[in-house]
Amino acid sequence: MTTATQNSTQALLQRTAKLTLSVPVQCTLFLLLTATTLWTVYFSSYAPAHNALHETRHSTLGVGCH
C-alpha cells in the first residue's frame, strides 16, 4: 500500500468510528434494540414467555391477547 492509500484508509476508519460512536447513533440503536426486544417478548406465542408476561402485557398495552 502506498502512503496516500494508507492515509485515506485511516481517515475513512476515523470518520466511521466517529459516526458510529456518536451519541445520536448510540441512542437510536439502543431504542431500536429495546423496541425490538419488547415487541418480540410481548407478542411471543412461545408459552413460557407468554405466561410470564401475561399480566404485564394486559396492563401496559391495554389490549387482550386472547
PDB file of N, CA and C in Angstrom:
ATOM      1  N   MET A   1       0.834  -1.195   0.000  1.00  0.00           N
ATOM      2  CA  MET A   1       0.000   0.000   0.000  1.00  0.00           C
ATOM      3  C   MET A   1       0.870   1.246   0.000  1.00  0.00           C
ATOM      4  N   THR A   2       0.426   2.219  -0.699  1.00  0.00           N
ATOM      5  CA  THR A   2       1.163   3.474  -0.709  1.00  0.00           C
ATOM      6  C   THR A   2       0.775   4.288   0.508  1.00  0.00           C
ATOM      7  N   THR A   3       1.536   5.293   0.783  1.00  0.00           N
ATOM      8  CA  THR A   3       1.269   6.153   1.933  1.00  0.00           C
ATOM      9  C   THR A   3      -0.052   6.888   1.771  1.00  0.00           C
ATOM     10  N   ALA A   4      -0.349   7.330   0.560  1.00  0.00           N
ATOM     11  CA  ALA A   4      -1.608   8.046   0.310  1.00  0.00           C
ATOM     12  C   ALA A   4      -2.803   7.129   0.552  1.00  0.00           C
ATOM     13  N   THR A   5      -2.696   5.873   0.145  1.00  0.00           N
ATOM     14  CA  THR A   5      -3.780   4.918   0.347  1.00  0.00           C
ATOM     15  C   THR A   5      -3.960   4.610   1.827  1.00  0.00           C
ATOM     16  N   GLN A   6      -2.853   4.482   2.539  1.00  0.00           N
ATOM     17  CA  GLN A   6      -2.916   4.219   3.976  1.00  0.00           C
ATOM     18  C   GLN A   6      -3.566   5.386   4.702  1.00  0.00           C
ATOM     19  N   ASN A   7      -3.190   6.609   4.338  1.00  0.00           N
ATOM     20  CA  ASN A   7      -3.772   7.800   4.961  1.00  0.00           C
ATOM     21  C   ASN A   7      -5.262   7.890   4.662  1.00  0.00           C
ATOM     22  N   SER A   8      -5.637   7.580   3.434  1.00  0.00           N
ATOM     23  CA  SER A   8      -7.038   7.620   3.037  1.00  0.00           C
ATOM     24  C   SER A   8      -7.851   6.573   3.805  1.00  0.00           C
ATOM     25  N   THR A   9      -7.298   5.378   3.921  1.00  0.00           N
ATOM     26  CA  THR A   9      -7.972   4.307   4.655  1.00  0.00           C
ATOM     27  C   THR A   9      -8.112   4.665   6.124  1.00  0.00           C
ATOM     28  N   GLN A  10      -7.067   5.210   6.700  1.00  0.00           N
ATOM     29  CA  GLN A  10      -7.098   5.596   8.106  1.00  0.00           C
ATOM     30  C   GLN A  10      -8.102   6.724   8.340  1.00  0.00           C
ATOM     31  N   ALA A  11      -8.170   7.664   7.439  1.00  0.00           N
ATOM     32  CA  ALA A  11      -9.125   8.765   7.555  1.00  0.00           C
ATOM     33  C   ALA A  11     -10.553   8.243   7.473  1.00  0.00           C
ATOM     34  N   LEU A  12     -10.787   7.294   6.584  1.00  0.00           N
ATOM     35  CA  LEU A  12     -12.109   6.683   6.456  1.00  0.00           C
ATOM     36  C   LEU A  12     -12.484   5.946   7.739  1.00  0.00           C
ATOM     37  N   LEU A  13     -11.563   5.200   8.302  1.00  0.00           N
ATOM     38  CA  LEU A  13     -11.825   4.484   9.556  1.00  0.00           C
ATOM     39  C   LEU A  13     -12.110   5.448  10.707  1.00  0.00           C
ATOM     40  N   GLN A  14     -11.396   6.554  10.748  1.00  0.00           N
ATOM     41  CA  GLN A  14     -11.630   7.545  11.795  1.00  0.00           C
ATOM     42  C   GLN A  14     -13.010   8.183  11.651  1.00  0.00           C
ATOM     43  N   ARG A  15     -13.414   8.509  10.419  1.00  0.00           N
ATOM     44  CA  ARG A  15     -14.747   9.094  10.208  1.00  0.00           C
ATOM     45  C   ARG A  15     -15.838   8.089  10.562  1.00  0.00           C
ATOM     46  N   THR A  16     -15.629   6.829  10.204  1.00  0.00           N
ATOM     47  CA  THR A  16     -16.602   5.792  10.521  1.00  0.00           C
ATOM     48  C   THR A  16     -16.730   5.607  12.028  1.00  0.00           C
ATOM     49  N   ALA A  17     -15.611   5.560  12.726  1.00  0.00           N
ATOM     50  CA  ALA A  17     -15.638   5.404  14.176  1.00  0.00           C
ATOM     51  C   ALA A  17     -16.311   6.603  14.841  1.00  0.00           C
ATOM     52  N   LYS A  18     -16.030   7.791  14.341  1.00  0.00           N
ATOM     53  CA  LYS A  18     -16.633   8.997  14.913  1.00  0.00           C
ATOM     54  C   LYS A  18     -18.146   8.986  14.737  1.00  0.00           C
ATOM     55  N   LEU A  19     -18.616   8.539  13.575  1.00  0.00           N
ATOM     56  CA  LEU A  19     -20.046   8.482  13.308  1.00  0.00           C
ATOM     57  C   LEU A  19     -20.720   7.418  14.164  1.00  0.00           C
ATOM     58  N   THR A  20     -20.161   6.216  14.205  1.00  0.00           N
ATOM     59  CA  THR A  20     -20.811   5.120  14.922  1.00  0.00           C
ATOM     60  C   THR A  20     -20.747   5.280  16.429  1.00  0.00           C
ATOM     61  N   LEU A  21     -19.801   6.038  16.915  1.00  0.00           N
ATOM     62  CA  LEU A  21     -19.705   6.249  18.354  1.00  0.00           C
ATOM     63  C   LEU A  21     -20.408   7.523  18.797  1.00  0.00           C
ATOM     64  N   SER A  22     -21.065   8.213  17.895  1.00  0.00           N
ATOM     65  CA  SER A  22     -21.741   9.445  18.268  1.00  0.00           C
ATOM     66  C   SER A  22     -22.969   9.127  19.115  1.00  0.00           C
ATOM     67  N   VAL A  23     -23.342  10.043  19.954  1.00  0.00           N
ATOM     68  CA  VAL A  23     -24.461   9.851  20.873  1.00  0.00           C
ATOM     69  C   VAL A  23     -25.789   9.635  20.134  1.00  0.00           C
ATOM     70  N   PRO A  24     -26.116  10.409  19.096  1.00  0.00           N
ATOM     71  CA  PRO A  24     -27.378  10.144  18.401  1.00  0.00           C
ATOM     72  C   PRO A  24     -27.467   8.745  17.811  1.00  0.00           C
ATOM     73  N   VAL A  25     -26.376   8.245  17.257  1.00  0.00           N
ATOM     74  CA  VAL A  25     -26.379   6.897  16.694  1.00  0.00           C
ATOM     75  C   VAL A  25     -26.542   5.866  17.804  1.00  0.00           C
ATOM     76  N   GLN A  26     -25.861   6.053  18.907  1.00  0.00           N
ATOM     77  CA  GLN A  26     -25.982   5.130  20.030  1.00  0.00           C
ATOM     78  C   GLN A  26     -27.401   5.134  20.586  1.00  0.00           C
ATOM     79  N   CYS A  27     -28.005   6.286  20.718  1.00  0.00           N
ATOM     80  CA  CYS A  27     -29.380   6.378  21.223  1.00  0.00           C
ATOM     81  C   CYS A  27     -30.355   5.698  20.272  1.00  0.00           C
ATOM     82  N   THR A  28     -30.182   5.918  18.990  1.00  0.00           N
ATOM     83  CA  THR A  28     -31.061   5.290  18.005  1.00  0.00           C
ATOM     84  C   THR A  28     -30.934   3.770  18.044  1.00  0.00           C
ATOM     85  N   LEU A  29     -29.714   3.272  18.097  1.00  0.00           N
ATOM     86  CA  LEU A  29     -29.511   1.828  18.167  1.00  0.00           C
ATOM     87  C   LEU A  29     -30.088   1.240  19.446  1.00  0.00           C
ATOM     88  N   PHE A  30     -29.932   1.933  20.557  1.00  0.00           N
ATOM     89  CA  PHE A  30     -30.488   1.478  21.832  1.00  0.00           C
ATOM     90  C   PHE A  30     -32.010   1.410  21.768  1.00  0.00           C
ATOM     91  N   LEU A  31     -32.639   2.450  21.227  1.00  0.00           N
ATOM     92  CA  LEU A  31     -34.096   2.463  21.128  1.00  0.00           C
ATOM     93  C   LEU A  31     -34.607   1.372  20.197  1.00  0.00           C
ATOM     94  N   LEU A  32     -33.937   1.153  19.089  1.00  0.00           N
ATOM     95  CA  LEU A  32     -34.339   0.092  18.159  1.00  0.00           C
ATOM     96  C   LEU A  32     -34.199  -1.288  18.800  1.00  0.00           C
ATOM     97  N   LEU A  33     -33.114  -1.510  19.504  1.00  0.00           N
ATOM     98  CA  LEU A  33     -32.910  -2.788  20.168  1.00  0.00           C
ATOM     99  C   LEU A  33     -33.942  -3.011  21.264  1.00  0.00           C
ATOM    100  N   THR A  34     -34.230  -1.977  22.047  1.00  0.00           N
ATOM    101  CA  THR A  34     -35.231  -2.076  23.110  1.00  0.00           C
ATOM    102  C   THR A  34     -36.613  -2.333  22.530  1.00  0.00           C
ATOM    103  N   ALA A  35     -36.985  -1.595  21.500  1.00  0.00           N
ATOM    104  CA  ALA A  35     -38.303  -1.778  20.881  1.00  0.00           C
ATOM    105  C   ALA A  35     -38.442  -3.165  20.280  1.00  0.00           C
ATOM    106  N   THR A  36     -37.405  -3.645  19.631  1.00  0.00           N
ATOM    107  CA  THR A  36     -37.441  -4.986  19.035  1.00  0.00           C
ATOM    108  C   THR A  36     -37.564  -6.058  20.111  1.00  0.00           C
ATOM    109  N   THR A  37     -36.838  -5.889  21.192  1.00  0.00           N
ATOM    110  CA  THR A  37     -36.906  -6.860  22.288  1.00  0.00           C
ATOM    111  C   THR A  37     -38.291  -6.869  22.918  1.00  0.00           C
ATOM    112  N   LEU A  38     -38.841  -5.694  23.204  1.00  0.00           N
ATOM    113  CA  LEU A  38     -40.174  -5.630  23.807  1.00  0.00           C
ATOM    114  C   LEU A  38     -41.229  -6.194  22.874  1.00  0.00           C
ATOM    115  N   TRP A  39     -41.168  -5.862  21.604  1.00  0.00           N
ATOM    116  CA  TRP A  39     -42.125  -6.381  20.624  1.00  0.00           C
ATOM    117  C   TRP A  39     -42.065  -7.911  20.589  1.00  0.00           C
ATOM    118  N   THR A  40     -40.853  -8.448  20.552  1.00  0.00           N
ATOM    119  CA  THR A  40     -40.676  -9.900  20.480  1.00  0.00           C
ATOM    120  C   THR A  40     -41.222 -10.586  21.731  1.00  0.00           C
ATOM    121  N   VAL A  41     -40.949 -10.023  22.889  1.00  0.00           N
ATOM    122  CA  VAL A  41     -41.400 -10.647  24.141  1.00  0.00           C
ATOM    123  C   VAL A  41     -42.898 -10.464  24.333  1.00  0.00           C
ATOM    124  N   TYR A  42     -43.406  -9.275  24.098  1.00  0.00           N
ATOM    125  CA  TYR A  42     -44.827  -9.016  24.326  1.00  0.00           C
ATOM    126  C   TYR A  42     -45.724  -9.829  23.403  1.00  0.00           C
ATOM    127  N   PHE A  43     -45.330 -10.017  22.176  1.00  0.00           N
ATOM    128  CA  PHE A  43     -46.190 -10.688  21.213  1.00  0.00           C
ATOM    129  C   PHE A  43     -45.718 -12.101  20.875  1.00  0.00           C
ATOM    130  N   SER A  44     -44.977 -12.686  21.790  1.00  0.00           N
ATOM    131  CA  SER A  44     -44.484 -14.038  21.587  1.00  0.00           C
ATOM    132  C   SER A  44     -45.613 -15.042  21.745  1.00  0.00           C
ATOM    133  N   SER A  45     -45.610 -16.059  20.916  1.00  0.00           N
ATOM    134  CA  SER A  45     -46.571 -17.148  21.068  1.00  0.00           C
ATOM    135  C   SER A  45     -45.926 -18.322  21.794  1.00  0.00           C
ATOM    136  N   TYR A  46     -44.691 -18.157  22.192  1.00  0.00           N
ATOM    137  CA  TYR A  46     -43.980 -19.168  22.968  1.00  0.00           C
ATOM    138  C   TYR A  46     -44.586 -19.186  24.377  1.00  0.00           C
ATOM    139  N   ALA A  47     -45.141 -20.312  24.786  1.00  0.00           N
ATOM    140  CA  ALA A  47     -45.940 -20.406  26.005  1.00  0.00           C
ATOM    141  C   ALA A  47     -45.251 -19.893  27.271  1.00  0.00           C
ATOM    142  N   PRO A  48     -44.012 -20.269  27.583  1.00  0.00           N
ATOM    143  CA  PRO A  48     -43.390 -19.746  28.807  1.00  0.00           C
ATOM    144  C   PRO A  48     -43.250 -18.219  28.807  1.00  0.00           C
ATOM    145  N   ALA A  49     -42.885 -17.653  27.677  1.00  0.00           N
ATOM    146  CA  ALA A  49     -42.771 -16.190  27.606  1.00  0.00           C
ATOM    147  C   ALA A  49     -44.144 -15.548  27.709  1.00  0.00           C
ATOM    148  N   HIS A  50     -45.135 -16.126  27.049  1.00  0.00           N
ATOM    149  CA  HIS A  50     -46.499 -15.603  27.096  1.00  0.00           C
ATOM    150  C   HIS A  50     -47.035 -15.618  28.518  1.00  0.00           C
ATOM    151  N   ASN A  51     -46.887 -16.738  29.205  1.00  0.00           N
ATOM    152  CA  ASN A  51     -47.413 -16.870  30.562  1.00  0.00           C
ATOM    153  C   ASN A  51     -46.691 -15.967  31.557  1.00  0.00           C
ATOM    154  N   ALA A  52     -45.391 -15.811  31.398  1.00  0.00           N
ATOM    155  CA  ALA A  52     -44.622 -14.983  32.324  1.00  0.00           C
ATOM    156  C   ALA A  52     -44.999 -13.509  32.217  1.00  0.00           C
ATOM    157  N   LEU A  53     -45.363 -13.057  31.035  1.00  0.00           N
ATOM    158  CA  LEU A  53     -45.655 -11.636  30.841  1.00  0.00           C
ATOM    159  C   LEU A  53     -47.128 -11.361  30.577  1.00  0.00           C
ATOM    160  N   HIS A  54     -47.987 -12.310  30.873  1.00  0.00           N
ATOM    161  CA  HIS A  54     -49.402 -12.175  30.547  1.00  0.00           C
ATOM    162  C   HIS A  54     -50.025 -10.940  31.195  1.00  0.00           C
ATOM    163  N   GLU A  55     -49.888 -10.785  32.482  1.00  0.00           N
ATOM    164  CA  GLU A  55     -50.486  -9.641  33.180  1.00  0.00           C
ATOM    165  C   GLU A  55     -49.799  -8.333  32.797  1.00  0.00           C
ATOM    166  N   THR A  56     -48.502  -8.369  32.617  1.00  0.00           N
ATOM    167  CA  THR A  56     -47.769  -7.158  32.220  1.00  0.00           C
ATOM    168  C   THR A  56     -48.248  -6.671  30.861  1.00  0.00           C
ATOM    169  N   ARG A  57     -48.444  -7.589  29.954  1.00  0.00           N
ATOM    170  CA  ARG A  57     -48.898  -7.229  28.611  1.00  0.00           C
ATOM    171  C   ARG A  57     -50.260  -6.546  28.673  1.00  0.00           C
ATOM    172  N   HIS A  58     -51.168  -7.098  29.463  1.00  0.00           N
ATOM    173  CA  HIS A  58     -52.506  -6.513  29.561  1.00  0.00           C
ATOM    174  C   HIS A  58     -52.488  -5.143  30.250  1.00  0.00           C
ATOM    175  N   SER A  59     -51.660  -4.992  31.263  1.00  0.00           N
ATOM    176  CA  SER A  59     -51.663  -3.726  31.998  1.00  0.00           C
ATOM    177  C   SER A  59     -50.917  -2.615  31.263  1.00  0.00           C
ATOM    178  N   THR A  60     -49.879  -2.943  30.509  1.00  0.00           N
ATOM    179  CA  THR A  60     -49.106  -1.879  29.847  1.00  0.00           C
ATOM    180  C   THR A  60     -49.626  -1.566  28.458  1.00  0.00           C
ATOM    181  N   LEU A  61     -50.167  -2.546  27.761  1.00  0.00           N
ATOM    182  CA  LEU A  61     -50.623  -2.310  26.400  1.00  0.00           C
ATOM    183  C   LEU A  61     -52.117  -2.038  26.335  1.00  0.00           C
ATOM    184  N   GLY A  62     -52.859  -2.523  27.318  1.00  0.00           N
ATOM    185  CA  GLY A  62     -54.289  -2.292  27.337  1.00  0.00           C
ATOM    186  C   GLY A  62     -55.032  -3.058  26.252  1.00  0.00           C
ATOM    187  N   VAL A  63     -54.461  -4.145  25.795  1.00  0.00           N
ATOM    188  CA  VAL A  63     -55.103  -4.960  24.771  1.00  0.00           C
ATOM    189  C   VAL A  63     -55.183  -6.401  25.246  1.00  0.00           C
ATOM    190  N   GLY A  64     -56.129  -7.099  24.729  1.00  0.00           N
ATOM    191  CA  GLY A  64     -56.260  -8.506  25.045  1.00  0.00           C
ATOM    192  C   GLY A  64     -55.388  -9.340  24.123  1.00  0.00           C
ATOM    193  N   CYS A  65     -55.034 -10.498  24.575  1.00  0.00           N
ATOM    194  CA  CYS A  65     -54.210 -11.367  23.724  1.00  0.00           C
ATOM    195  C   CYS A  65     -54.955 -12.651  23.375  1.00  0.00           C
ATOM    196  N   HIS A  66     -56.177 -12.776  23.813  1.00  0.00           N
ATOM    197  CA  HIS A  66     -56.959 -13.989  23.515  1.00  0.00           C
ATOM    198  C   HIS A  66     -58.192 -13.594  22.725  1.00  0.00           C
TER     199      HIS A  66
END
